PDB file of all heavy atoms in Angstrom:
ATOM      1  N   VAL A   1     -36.562  66.202 -98.737  1.00  0.00           N
ATOM      2  CA  VAL A   1     -36.335  67.481 -98.063  1.00  0.00           C
ATOM      3  C   VAL A   1     -36.673  67.348 -96.578  1.00  0.00           C
ATOM      4  O   VAL A   1     -35.893  67.771 -95.719  1.00  0.00           O
ATOM      5  CB  VAL A   1     -37.165  68.612 -98.712  1.00  0.00           C
ATOM      6  CG1 VAL A   1     -37.012  69.910 -97.925  1.00  0.00           C
ATOM      7  CG2 VAL A   1     -36.763  68.818-100.168  1.00  0.00           C
ATOM      8  N   LEU A   2     -37.806  66.734 -96.273  1.00  0.00           N
ATOM      9  CA  LEU A   2     -38.177  66.532 -94.871  1.00  0.00           C
ATOM     10  C   LEU A   2     -37.120  65.713 -94.135  1.00  0.00           C
ATOM     11  O   LEU A   2     -36.716  66.057 -93.025  1.00  0.00           O
ATOM     12  CB  LEU A   2     -39.530  65.825 -94.774  1.00  0.00           C
ATOM     13  CG  LEU A   2     -40.759  66.591 -95.213  1.00  0.00           C
ATOM     14  CD1 LEU A   2     -41.996  65.712 -95.111  1.00  0.00           C
ATOM     15  CD2 LEU A   2     -40.937  67.855 -94.401  1.00  0.00           C
ATOM     16  N   PHE A   3     -36.702  64.642 -94.758  1.00  0.00           N
ATOM     17  CA  PHE A   3     -35.747  63.740 -94.133  1.00  0.00           C
ATOM     18  C   PHE A   3     -34.411  64.437 -93.874  1.00  0.00           C
ATOM     19  O   PHE A   3     -33.823  64.307 -92.800  1.00  0.00           O
ATOM     20  CB  PHE A   3     -35.547  62.516 -95.033  1.00  0.00           C
ATOM     21  CG  PHE A   3     -35.244  61.272 -94.292  1.00  0.00           C
ATOM     22  CD1 PHE A   3     -36.261  60.436 -93.881  1.00  0.00           C
ATOM     23  CD2 PHE A   3     -33.943  60.909 -93.989  1.00  0.00           C
ATOM     24  CE1 PHE A   3     -35.996  59.268 -93.192  1.00  0.00           C
ATOM     25  CE2 PHE A   3     -33.662  59.758 -93.295  1.00  0.00           C
ATOM     26  CZ  PHE A   3     -34.683  58.932 -92.894  1.00  0.00           C
ATOM     27  N   ILE A   4     -33.930  65.207 -94.862  1.00  0.00           N
ATOM     28  CA  ILE A   4     -32.641  65.888 -94.721  1.00  0.00           C
ATOM     29  C   ILE A   4     -32.737  67.042 -93.729  1.00  0.00           C
ATOM     30  O   ILE A   4     -31.793  67.295 -92.978  1.00  0.00           O
ATOM     31  CB  ILE A   4     -32.115  66.327 -96.105  1.00  0.00           C
ATOM     32  CG1 ILE A   4     -31.767  65.069 -96.931  1.00  0.00           C
ATOM     33  CG2 ILE A   4     -30.900  67.242 -95.985  1.00  0.00           C
ATOM     34  CD1 ILE A   4     -31.571  65.309 -98.401  1.00  0.00           C
ATOM     35  N   CYS A   5     -33.869  67.713 -93.676  1.00  0.00           N
ATOM     36  CA  CYS A   5     -34.051  68.758 -92.657  1.00  0.00           C
ATOM     37  C   CYS A   5     -34.087  68.147 -91.257  1.00  0.00           C
ATOM     38  O   CYS A   5     -33.577  68.736 -90.308  1.00  0.00           O
ATOM     39  CB  CYS A   5     -35.334  69.541 -92.913  1.00  0.00           C
ATOM     40  SG  CYS A   5     -35.236  70.738 -94.259  1.00  0.00           S
ATOM     41  N   ASP A   6     -34.675  66.966 -91.129  1.00  0.00           N
ATOM     42  CA  ASP A   6     -34.736  66.290 -89.835  1.00  0.00           C
ATOM     43  C   ASP A   6     -33.395  65.691 -89.427  1.00  0.00           C
ATOM     44  O   ASP A   6     -33.129  65.515 -88.239  1.00  0.00           O
ATOM     45  CB  ASP A   6     -35.797  65.180 -89.856  1.00  0.00           C
ATOM     46  CG  ASP A   6     -37.208  65.724 -89.839  1.00  0.00           C
ATOM     47  OD1 ASP A   6     -37.403  66.868 -89.385  1.00  0.00           O
ATOM     48  OD2 ASP A   6     -38.122  65.003 -90.281  1.00  0.00           O
ATOM     49  N   GLN A   7     -32.573  65.349 -90.420  1.00  0.00           N
ATOM     50  CA  GLN A   7     -31.272  64.729 -90.150  1.00  0.00           C
ATOM     51  C   GLN A   7     -30.183  65.408 -90.983  1.00  0.00           C
ATOM     52  O   GLN A   7     -29.595  64.778 -91.873  1.00  0.00           O
ATOM     53  CB  GLN A   7     -31.319  63.239 -90.476  1.00  0.00           C
ATOM     54  CG  GLN A   7     -32.291  62.468 -89.632  1.00  0.00           C
ATOM     55  CD  GLN A   7     -32.219  60.983 -89.917  1.00  0.00           C
ATOM     56  OE1 GLN A   7     -31.155  60.417 -90.083  1.00  0.00           O
ATOM     57  NE2 GLN A   7     -33.375  60.345 -89.979  1.00  0.00           N
ATOM     58  N   PRO A   8     -29.883  66.674 -90.711  1.00  0.00           N
ATOM     59  CA  PRO A   8     -28.859  67.364 -91.497  1.00  0.00           C
ATOM     60  C   PRO A   8     -27.507  66.668 -91.356  1.00  0.00           C
ATOM     61  O   PRO A   8     -27.140  66.217 -90.277  1.00  0.00           O
ATOM     62  CB  PRO A   8     -28.816  68.766 -90.909  1.00  0.00           C
ATOM     63  CG  PRO A   8     -29.586  68.718 -89.646  1.00  0.00           C
ATOM     64  CD  PRO A   8     -30.428  67.500 -89.650  1.00  0.00           C
ATOM     65  N   GLY A   9     -26.804  66.554 -92.483  1.00  0.00           N
ATOM     66  CA  GLY A   9     -25.508  65.898 -92.479  1.00  0.00           C
ATOM     67  C   GLY A   9     -25.582  64.412 -92.754  1.00  0.00           C
ATOM     68  O   GLY A   9     -24.569  63.717 -92.686  1.00  0.00           O
ATOM     69  N   ILE A  10     -26.759  63.905 -93.079  1.00  0.00           N
ATOM     70  CA  ILE A  10     -26.900  62.487 -93.411  1.00  0.00           C
ATOM     71  C   ILE A  10     -26.174  62.223 -94.729  1.00  0.00           C
ATOM     72  O   ILE A  10     -26.174  63.069 -95.625  1.00  0.00           O
ATOM     73  CB  ILE A  10     -28.390  62.079 -93.488  1.00  0.00           C
ATOM     74  CG1 ILE A  10     -28.528  60.568 -93.636  1.00  0.00           C
ATOM     75  CG2 ILE A  10     -29.100  62.807 -94.622  1.00  0.00           C
ATOM     76  CD1 ILE A  10     -29.954  60.064 -93.495  1.00  0.00           C
ATOM     77  N   SER A  11     -25.528  61.078 -94.825  1.00  0.00           N
ATOM     78  CA  SER A  11     -24.859  60.741 -96.082  1.00  0.00           C
ATOM     79  C   SER A  11     -25.895  60.224 -97.074  1.00  0.00           C
ATOM     80  O   SER A  11     -26.959  59.736 -96.689  1.00  0.00           O
ATOM     81  CB  SER A  11     -23.772  59.690 -95.859  1.00  0.00           C
ATOM     82  OG  SER A  11     -24.337  58.418 -95.629  1.00  0.00           O
ATOM     83  N   GLN A  12     -25.553  60.309 -98.340  1.00  0.00           N
ATOM     84  CA  GLN A  12     -26.469  59.823 -99.364  1.00  0.00           C
ATOM     85  C   GLN A  12     -26.675  58.319 -99.212  1.00  0.00           C
ATOM     86  O   GLN A  12     -27.774  57.811 -99.396  1.00  0.00           O
ATOM     87  CB  GLN A  12     -25.935  60.163-100.755  1.00  0.00           C
ATOM     88  CG  GLN A  12     -26.924  59.881-101.854  1.00  0.00           C
ATOM     89  CD  GLN A  12     -26.515  60.491-103.174  1.00  0.00           C
ATOM     90  OE1 GLN A  12     -25.781  61.466-103.216  1.00  0.00           O
ATOM     91  NE2 GLN A  12     -27.001  59.914-104.251  1.00  0.00           N
ATOM     92  N   LYS A  13     -25.634  57.617 -98.811  1.00  0.00           N
ATOM     93  CA  LYS A  13     -25.729  56.171 -98.596  1.00  0.00           C
ATOM     94  C   LYS A  13     -26.693  55.857 -97.446  1.00  0.00           C
ATOM     95  O   LYS A  13     -27.529  54.963 -97.547  1.00  0.00           O
ATOM     96  CB  LYS A  13     -24.345  55.591 -98.322  1.00  0.00           C
ATOM     97  CG  LYS A  13     -24.305  54.092 -98.254  1.00  0.00           C
ATOM     98  CD  LYS A  13     -22.872  53.592 -98.107  1.00  0.00           C
ATOM     99  CE  LYS A  13     -22.843  52.088 -98.139  1.00  0.00           C
ATOM    100  NZ  LYS A  13     -21.472  51.566 -98.081  1.00  0.00           N
ATOM    101  N   GLN A  14     -26.587  56.593 -96.354  1.00  0.00           N
ATOM    102  CA  GLN A  14     -27.506  56.395 -95.225  1.00  0.00           C
ATOM    103  C   GLN A  14     -28.939  56.710 -95.644  1.00  0.00           C
ATOM    104  O   GLN A  14     -29.873  56.009 -95.253  1.00  0.00           O
ATOM    105  CB  GLN A  14     -27.110  57.301 -94.049  1.00  0.00           C
ATOM    106  CG  GLN A  14     -25.836  56.917 -93.359  1.00  0.00           C
ATOM    107  CD  GLN A  14     -25.417  57.991 -92.361  1.00  0.00           C
ATOM    108  OE1 GLN A  14     -25.497  59.181 -92.644  1.00  0.00           O
ATOM    109  NE2 GLN A  14     -24.957  57.552 -91.198  1.00  0.00           N
ATOM    110  N   LEU A  15     -29.091  57.755 -96.448  1.00  0.00           N
ATOM    111  CA  LEU A  15     -30.417  58.154 -96.904  1.00  0.00           C
ATOM    112  C   LEU A  15     -31.079  57.044 -97.708  1.00  0.00           C
ATOM    113  O   LEU A  15     -32.227  56.691 -97.455  1.00  0.00           O
ATOM    114  CB  LEU A  15     -30.317  59.432 -97.743  1.00  0.00           C
ATOM    115  CG  LEU A  15     -31.619  60.051 -98.224  1.00  0.00           C
ATOM    116  CD1 LEU A  15     -32.446  60.541 -97.048  1.00  0.00           C
ATOM    117  CD2 LEU A  15     -31.329  61.200 -99.184  1.00  0.00           C
ATOM    118  N   LEU A  16     -30.359  56.461 -98.637  1.00  0.00           N
ATOM    119  CA  LEU A  16     -30.979  55.418 -99.455  1.00  0.00           C
ATOM    120  C   LEU A  16     -31.296  54.175 -98.635  1.00  0.00           C
ATOM    121  O   LEU A  16     -32.318  53.523 -98.871  1.00  0.00           O
ATOM    122  CB  LEU A  16     -30.145  55.092-100.697  1.00  0.00           C
ATOM    123  CG  LEU A  16     -28.845  54.330-100.597  1.00  0.00           C
ATOM    124  CD1 LEU A  16     -29.068  52.843-100.784  1.00  0.00           C
ATOM    125  CD2 LEU A  16     -27.925  54.813-101.710  1.00  0.00           C
ATOM    126  N   HIS A  17     -30.500  53.862 -97.637  1.00  0.00           N
ATOM    127  CA  HIS A  17     -30.804  52.702 -96.786  1.00  0.00           C
ATOM    128  C   HIS A  17     -32.002  52.963 -95.879  1.00  0.00           C
ATOM    129  O   HIS A  17     -32.821  52.074 -95.652  1.00  0.00           O
ATOM    130  CB  HIS A  17     -29.582  52.310 -95.955  1.00  0.00           C
ATOM    131  CG  HIS A  17     -28.515  51.639 -96.741  1.00  0.00           C
ATOM    132  ND1 HIS A  17     -28.675  50.424 -97.364  1.00  0.00           N
ATOM    133  CD2 HIS A  17     -27.257  52.046 -97.050  1.00  0.00           C
ATOM    134  CE1 HIS A  17     -27.575  50.087 -97.995  1.00  0.00           C
ATOM    135  NE2 HIS A  17     -26.695  51.059 -97.827  1.00  0.00           N
ATOM    136  N   GLN A  18     -32.108  54.168 -95.360  1.00  0.00           N
ATOM    137  CA  GLN A  18     -33.221  54.475 -94.458  1.00  0.00           C
ATOM    138  C   GLN A  18     -34.543  54.653 -95.199  1.00  0.00           C
ATOM    139  O   GLN A  18     -35.607  54.432 -94.629  1.00  0.00           O
ATOM    140  CB  GLN A  18     -32.894  55.709 -93.617  1.00  0.00           C
ATOM    141  CG  GLN A  18     -31.804  55.416 -92.608  1.00  0.00           C
ATOM    142  CD  GLN A  18     -31.561  56.561 -91.654  1.00  0.00           C
ATOM    143  OE1 GLN A  18     -32.350  57.481 -91.536  1.00  0.00           O
ATOM    144  NE2 GLN A  18     -30.442  56.500 -90.952  1.00  0.00           N
ATOM    145  N   LEU A  19     -34.466  55.042 -96.472  1.00  0.00           N
ATOM    146  CA  LEU A  19     -35.685  55.223 -97.261  1.00  0.00           C
ATOM    147  C   LEU A  19     -36.046  53.980 -98.073  1.00  0.00           C
ATOM    148  O   LEU A  19     -37.076  53.961 -98.738  1.00  0.00           O
ATOM    149  CB  LEU A  19     -35.537  56.421 -98.206  1.00  0.00           C
ATOM    150  CG  LEU A  19     -35.429  57.785 -97.534  1.00  0.00           C
ATOM    151  CD1 LEU A  19     -35.192  58.868 -98.572  1.00  0.00           C
ATOM    152  CD2 LEU A  19     -36.679  58.089 -96.735  1.00  0.00           C
ATOM    153  N   PHE A  20     -35.183  52.975 -98.038  1.00  0.00           N
ATOM    154  CA  PHE A  20     -35.417  51.736 -98.777  1.00  0.00           C
ATOM    155  C   PHE A  20     -35.647  52.005-100.263  1.00  0.00           C
ATOM    156  O   PHE A  20     -36.585  51.498-100.859  1.00  0.00           O
ATOM    157  CB  PHE A  20     -36.588  50.936 -98.182  1.00  0.00           C
ATOM    158  CG  PHE A  20     -36.374  50.592 -96.747  1.00  0.00           C
ATOM    159  CD1 PHE A  20     -37.019  51.316 -95.750  1.00  0.00           C
ATOM    160  CD2 PHE A  20     -35.531  49.560 -96.387  1.00  0.00           C
ATOM    161  CE1 PHE A  20     -36.821  51.003 -94.412  1.00  0.00           C
ATOM    162  CE2 PHE A  20     -35.328  49.236 -95.050  1.00  0.00           C
ATOM    163  CZ  PHE A  20     -35.970  49.965 -94.066  1.00  0.00           C
ATOM    164  N   ARG A  21     -34.780  52.842-100.836  1.00  0.00           N
ATOM    165  CA  ARG A  21     -34.853  53.192-102.251  1.00  0.00           C
ATOM    166  C   ARG A  21     -33.582  52.725-102.949  1.00  0.00           C
ATOM    167  O   ARG A  21     -32.531  52.579-102.328  1.00  0.00           O
ATOM    168  CB  ARG A  21     -34.975  54.709-102.448  1.00  0.00           C
ATOM    169  CG  ARG A  21     -36.203  55.302-101.852  1.00  0.00           C
ATOM    170  CD  ARG A  21     -37.347  55.108-102.796  1.00  0.00           C
ATOM    171  NE  ARG A  21     -38.494  55.875-102.349  1.00  0.00           N
ATOM    172  CZ  ARG A  21     -39.712  55.404-102.359  1.00  0.00           C
ATOM    173  NH1 ARG A  21     -39.958  54.202-102.780  1.00  0.00           N
ATOM    174  NH2 ARG A  21     -40.710  56.136-101.944  1.00  0.00           N
ATOM    175  N   GLN A  22     -33.686  52.566-104.268  1.00  0.00           N
ATOM    176  CA  GLN A  22     -32.518  52.207-105.059  1.00  0.00           C
ATOM    177  C   GLN A  22     -31.615  53.420-105.207  1.00  0.00           C
ATOM    178  O   GLN A  22     -32.080  54.562-105.221  1.00  0.00           O
ATOM    179  CB  GLN A  22     -32.937  51.711-106.434  1.00  0.00           C
ATOM    180  CG  GLN A  22     -33.700  50.411-106.395  1.00  0.00           C
ATOM    181  CD  GLN A  22     -34.185  50.007-107.770  1.00  0.00           C
ATOM    182  OE1 GLN A  22     -34.263  50.816-108.679  1.00  0.00           O
ATOM    183  NE2 GLN A  22     -34.527  48.734-107.900  1.00  0.00           N
ATOM    184  N   GLN A  23     -30.321  53.142-105.363  1.00  0.00           N
ATOM    185  CA  GLN A  23     -29.343  54.224-105.446  1.00  0.00           C
ATOM    186  C   GLN A  23     -29.633  55.174-106.601  1.00  0.00           C
ATOM    187  O   GLN A  23     -29.528  56.387-106.448  1.00  0.00           O
ATOM    188  CB  GLN A  23     -27.932  53.655-105.582  1.00  0.00           C
ATOM    189  CG  GLN A  23     -26.860  54.726-105.567  1.00  0.00           C
ATOM    190  CD  GLN A  23     -25.468  54.159-105.521  1.00  0.00           C
ATOM    191  OE1 GLN A  23     -25.275  52.962-105.375  1.00  0.00           O
ATOM    192  NE2 GLN A  23     -24.490  55.013-105.641  1.00  0.00           N
ATOM    193  N   SER A  24     -30.028  54.651-107.733  1.00  0.00           N
ATOM    194  CA  SER A  24     -30.285  55.517-108.893  1.00  0.00           C
ATOM    195  C   SER A  24     -31.448  56.474-108.636  1.00  0.00           C
ATOM    196  O   SER A  24     -31.409  57.640-109.059  1.00  0.00           O
ATOM    197  CB  SER A  24     -30.561  54.670-110.136  1.00  0.00           C
ATOM    198  OG  SER A  24     -31.711  53.868-109.943  1.00  0.00           O
ATOM    199  N   ILE A  25     -32.463  56.021-107.930  1.00  0.00           N
ATOM    200  CA  ILE A  25     -33.616  56.873-107.620  1.00  0.00           C
ATOM    201  C   ILE A  25     -33.214  57.974-106.648  1.00  0.00           C
ATOM    202  O   ILE A  25     -33.578  59.141-106.827  1.00  0.00           O
ATOM    203  CB  ILE A  25     -34.772  56.022-107.052  1.00  0.00           C
ATOM    204  CG1 ILE A  25     -35.293  55.076-108.133  1.00  0.00           C
ATOM    205  CG2 ILE A  25     -35.887  56.904-106.496  1.00  0.00           C
ATOM    206  CD1 ILE A  25     -36.265  54.034-107.628  1.00  0.00           C
ATOM    207  N   VAL A  26     -32.446  57.616-105.621  1.00  0.00           N
ATOM    208  CA  VAL A  26     -31.997  58.602-104.638  1.00  0.00           C
ATOM    209  C   VAL A  26     -31.069  59.614-105.300  1.00  0.00           C
ATOM    210  O   VAL A  26     -31.188  60.827-105.076  1.00  0.00           O
ATOM    211  CB  VAL A  26     -31.315  57.914-103.437  1.00  0.00           C
ATOM    212  CG1 VAL A  26     -30.689  58.934-102.505  1.00  0.00           C
ATOM    213  CG2 VAL A  26     -32.321  57.048-102.682  1.00  0.00           C
ATOM    214  N   THR A  27     -30.158  59.149-106.141  1.00  0.00           N
ATOM    215  CA  THR A  27     -29.222  60.045-106.822  1.00  0.00           C
ATOM    216  C   THR A  27     -29.973  61.045-107.695  1.00  0.00           C
ATOM    217  O   THR A  27     -29.667  62.245-107.687  1.00  0.00           O
ATOM    218  CB  THR A  27     -28.222  59.238-107.679  1.00  0.00           C
ATOM    219  OG1 THR A  27     -27.476  58.383-106.820  1.00  0.00           O
ATOM    220  CG2 THR A  27     -27.275  60.147-108.433  1.00  0.00           C
ATOM    221  N   LYS A  28     -30.954  60.586-108.423  1.00  0.00           N
ATOM    222  CA  LYS A  28     -31.751  61.467-109.282  1.00  0.00           C
ATOM    223  C   LYS A  28     -32.481  62.518-108.447  1.00  0.00           C
ATOM    224  O   LYS A  28     -32.485  63.704-108.788  1.00  0.00           O
ATOM    225  CB  LYS A  28     -32.745  60.646-110.090  1.00  0.00           C
ATOM    226  CG  LYS A  28     -33.525  61.443-111.086  1.00  0.00           C
ATOM    227  CD  LYS A  28     -34.438  60.540-111.911  1.00  0.00           C
ATOM    228  CE  LYS A  28     -35.257  61.333-112.895  1.00  0.00           C
ATOM    229  NZ  LYS A  28     -36.144  60.481-113.695  1.00  0.00           N
ATOM    230  N   ALA A  29     -33.092  62.099-107.344  1.00  0.00           N
ATOM    231  CA  ALA A  29     -33.817  63.036-106.477  1.00  0.00           C
ATOM    232  C   ALA A  29     -32.861  64.041-105.834  1.00  0.00           C
ATOM    233  O   ALA A  29     -33.155  65.243-105.786  1.00  0.00           O
ATOM    234  CB  ALA A  29     -34.594  62.279-105.412  1.00  0.00           C
ATOM    235  N   VAL A  30     -31.729  63.561-105.359  1.00  0.00           N
ATOM    236  CA  VAL A  30     -30.740  64.444-104.720  1.00  0.00           C
ATOM    237  C   VAL A  30     -30.233  65.474-105.731  1.00  0.00           C
ATOM    238  O   VAL A  30     -30.144  66.671-105.417  1.00  0.00           O
ATOM    239  CB  VAL A  30     -29.581  63.622-104.108  1.00  0.00           C
ATOM    240  CG1 VAL A  30     -28.385  64.499-103.780  1.00  0.00           C
ATOM    241  CG2 VAL A  30     -30.065  62.895-102.855  1.00  0.00           C
ATOM    242  N   ASN A  31     -29.923  65.045-106.941  1.00  0.00           N
ATOM    243  CA  ASN A  31     -29.448  65.983-107.964  1.00  0.00           C
ATOM    244  C   ASN A  31     -30.499  67.039-108.286  1.00  0.00           C
ATOM    245  O   ASN A  31     -30.175  68.222-108.452  1.00  0.00           O
ATOM    246  CB  ASN A  31     -29.024  65.234-109.226  1.00  0.00           C
ATOM    247  CG  ASN A  31     -27.735  64.472-109.032  1.00  0.00           C
ATOM    248  OD1 ASN A  31     -26.939  64.790-108.159  1.00  0.00           O
ATOM    249  ND2 ASN A  31     -27.527  63.455-109.839  1.00  0.00           N
ATOM    250  N   TYR A  32     -31.753  66.628-108.375  1.00  0.00           N
ATOM    251  CA  TYR A  32     -32.837  67.580-108.617  1.00  0.00           C
ATOM    252  C   TYR A  32     -32.919  68.604-107.484  1.00  0.00           C
ATOM    253  O   TYR A  32     -33.051  69.803-107.724  1.00  0.00           O
ATOM    254  CB  TYR A  32     -34.181  66.848-108.764  1.00  0.00           C
ATOM    255  CG  TYR A  32     -35.352  67.776-108.872  1.00  0.00           C
ATOM    256  CD1 TYR A  32     -35.719  68.318-110.094  1.00  0.00           C
ATOM    257  CD2 TYR A  32     -36.087  68.144-107.741  1.00  0.00           C
ATOM    258  CE1 TYR A  32     -36.787  69.195-110.200  1.00  0.00           C
ATOM    259  CE2 TYR A  32     -37.152  69.019-107.840  1.00  0.00           C
ATOM    260  CZ  TYR A  32     -37.498  69.539-109.072  1.00  0.00           C
ATOM    261  OH  TYR A  32     -38.547  70.415-109.159  1.00  0.00           O
ATOM    262  N   LEU A  33     -32.841  68.128-106.254  1.00  0.00           N
ATOM    263  CA  LEU A  33     -32.967  69.017-105.093  1.00  0.00           C
ATOM    264  C   LEU A  33     -31.772  69.952-104.967  1.00  0.00           C
ATOM    265  O   LEU A  33     -31.923  71.106-104.553  1.00  0.00           O
ATOM    266  CB  LEU A  33     -33.174  68.191-103.823  1.00  0.00           C
ATOM    267  CG  LEU A  33     -34.499  67.429-103.779  1.00  0.00           C
ATOM    268  CD1 LEU A  33     -34.515  66.456-102.615  1.00  0.00           C
ATOM    269  CD2 LEU A  33     -35.683  68.377-103.733  1.00  0.00           C
ATOM    270  N   ILE A  34     -30.585  69.484-105.336  1.00  0.00           N
ATOM    271  CA  ILE A  34     -29.404  70.363-105.343  1.00  0.00           C
ATOM    272  C   ILE A  34     -29.583  71.446-106.403  1.00  0.00           C
ATOM    273  O   ILE A  34     -29.366  72.633-106.137  1.00  0.00           O
ATOM    274  CB  ILE A  34     -28.118  69.551-105.593  1.00  0.00           C
ATOM    275  CG1 ILE A  34     -27.790  68.679-104.375  1.00  0.00           C
ATOM    276  CG2 ILE A  34     -26.943  70.475-105.916  1.00  0.00           C
ATOM    277  CD1 ILE A  34     -26.681  67.678-104.612  1.00  0.00           C
ATOM    278  N   LYS A  35     -29.989  71.045-107.588  1.00  0.00           N
ATOM    279  CA  LYS A  35     -30.176  71.977-108.709  1.00  0.00           C
ATOM    280  C   LYS A  35     -31.214  73.051-108.377  1.00  0.00           C
ATOM    281  O   LYS A  35     -31.093  74.191-108.805  1.00  0.00           O
ATOM    282  CB  LYS A  35     -30.606  71.201-109.951  1.00  0.00           C
ATOM    283  CG  LYS A  35     -30.821  72.038-111.170  1.00  0.00           C
ATOM    284  CD  LYS A  35     -31.262  71.184-112.346  1.00  0.00           C
ATOM    285  CE  LYS A  35     -31.637  72.056-113.532  1.00  0.00           C
ATOM    286  NZ  LYS A  35     -32.198  71.261-114.623  1.00  0.00           N
ATOM    287  N   ASN A  36     -32.220  72.691-107.603  1.00  0.00           N
ATOM    288  CA  ASN A  36     -33.307  73.616-107.271  1.00  0.00           C
ATOM    289  C   ASN A  36     -33.157  74.254-105.892  1.00  0.00           C
ATOM    290  O   ASN A  36     -34.134  74.737-105.321  1.00  0.00           O
ATOM    291  CB  ASN A  36     -34.648  72.910-107.416  1.00  0.00           C
ATOM    292  CG  ASN A  36     -34.972  72.655-108.872  1.00  0.00           C
ATOM    293  OD1 ASN A  36     -35.377  73.569-109.581  1.00  0.00           O
ATOM    294  ND2 ASN A  36     -34.757  71.442-109.337  1.00  0.00           N
ATOM    295  N   ASP A  37     -31.943  74.234-105.353  1.00  0.00           N
ATOM    296  CA  ASP A  37     -31.603  74.941-104.110  1.00  0.00           C
ATOM    297  C   ASP A  37     -32.381  74.463-102.885  1.00  0.00           C
ATOM    298  O   ASP A  37     -32.763  75.257-102.022  1.00  0.00           O
ATOM    299  CB  ASP A  37     -31.780  76.458-104.297  1.00  0.00           C
ATOM    300  CG  ASP A  37     -31.144  77.248-103.160  1.00  0.00           C
ATOM    301  OD1 ASP A  37     -30.059  76.842-102.693  1.00  0.00           O
ATOM    302  OD2 ASP A  37     -31.735  78.255-102.730  1.00  0.00           O
ATOM    303  N   TRP A  38     -32.620  73.157-102.791  1.00  0.00           N
ATOM    304  CA  TRP A  38     -33.259  72.592-101.603  1.00  0.00           C
ATOM    305  C   TRP A  38     -32.237  71.993-100.653  1.00  0.00           C
ATOM    306  O   TRP A  38     -32.408  72.063 -99.438  1.00  0.00           O
ATOM    307  CB  TRP A  38     -34.284  71.527-101.997  1.00  0.00           C
ATOM    308  CG  TRP A  38     -35.521  72.109-102.558  1.00  0.00           C
ATOM    309  CD1 TRP A  38     -35.856  72.219-103.878  1.00  0.00           C
ATOM    310  CD2 TRP A  38     -36.593  72.705-101.835  1.00  0.00           C
ATOM    311  NE1 TRP A  38     -37.068  72.840-104.005  1.00  0.00           N
ATOM    312  CE2 TRP A  38     -37.546  73.143-102.763  1.00  0.00           C
ATOM    313  CE3 TRP A  38     -36.838  72.896-100.475  1.00  0.00           C
ATOM    314  CZ2 TRP A  38     -38.724  73.767-102.385  1.00  0.00           C
ATOM    315  CZ3 TRP A  38     -38.020  73.511-100.100  1.00  0.00           C
ATOM    316  CH2 TRP A  38     -38.941  73.942-101.050  1.00  0.00           C
TER     317      TRP A  38
END
């Protein structure tokens, strides 16, 4: 949430590269945050 608020419009691919996370972990977190209106 902090990262996306600081960089609105970031792609999910850019997010996973900048956070040094695996795609599956980022996808799971993004889906949770979408579902919970973040």
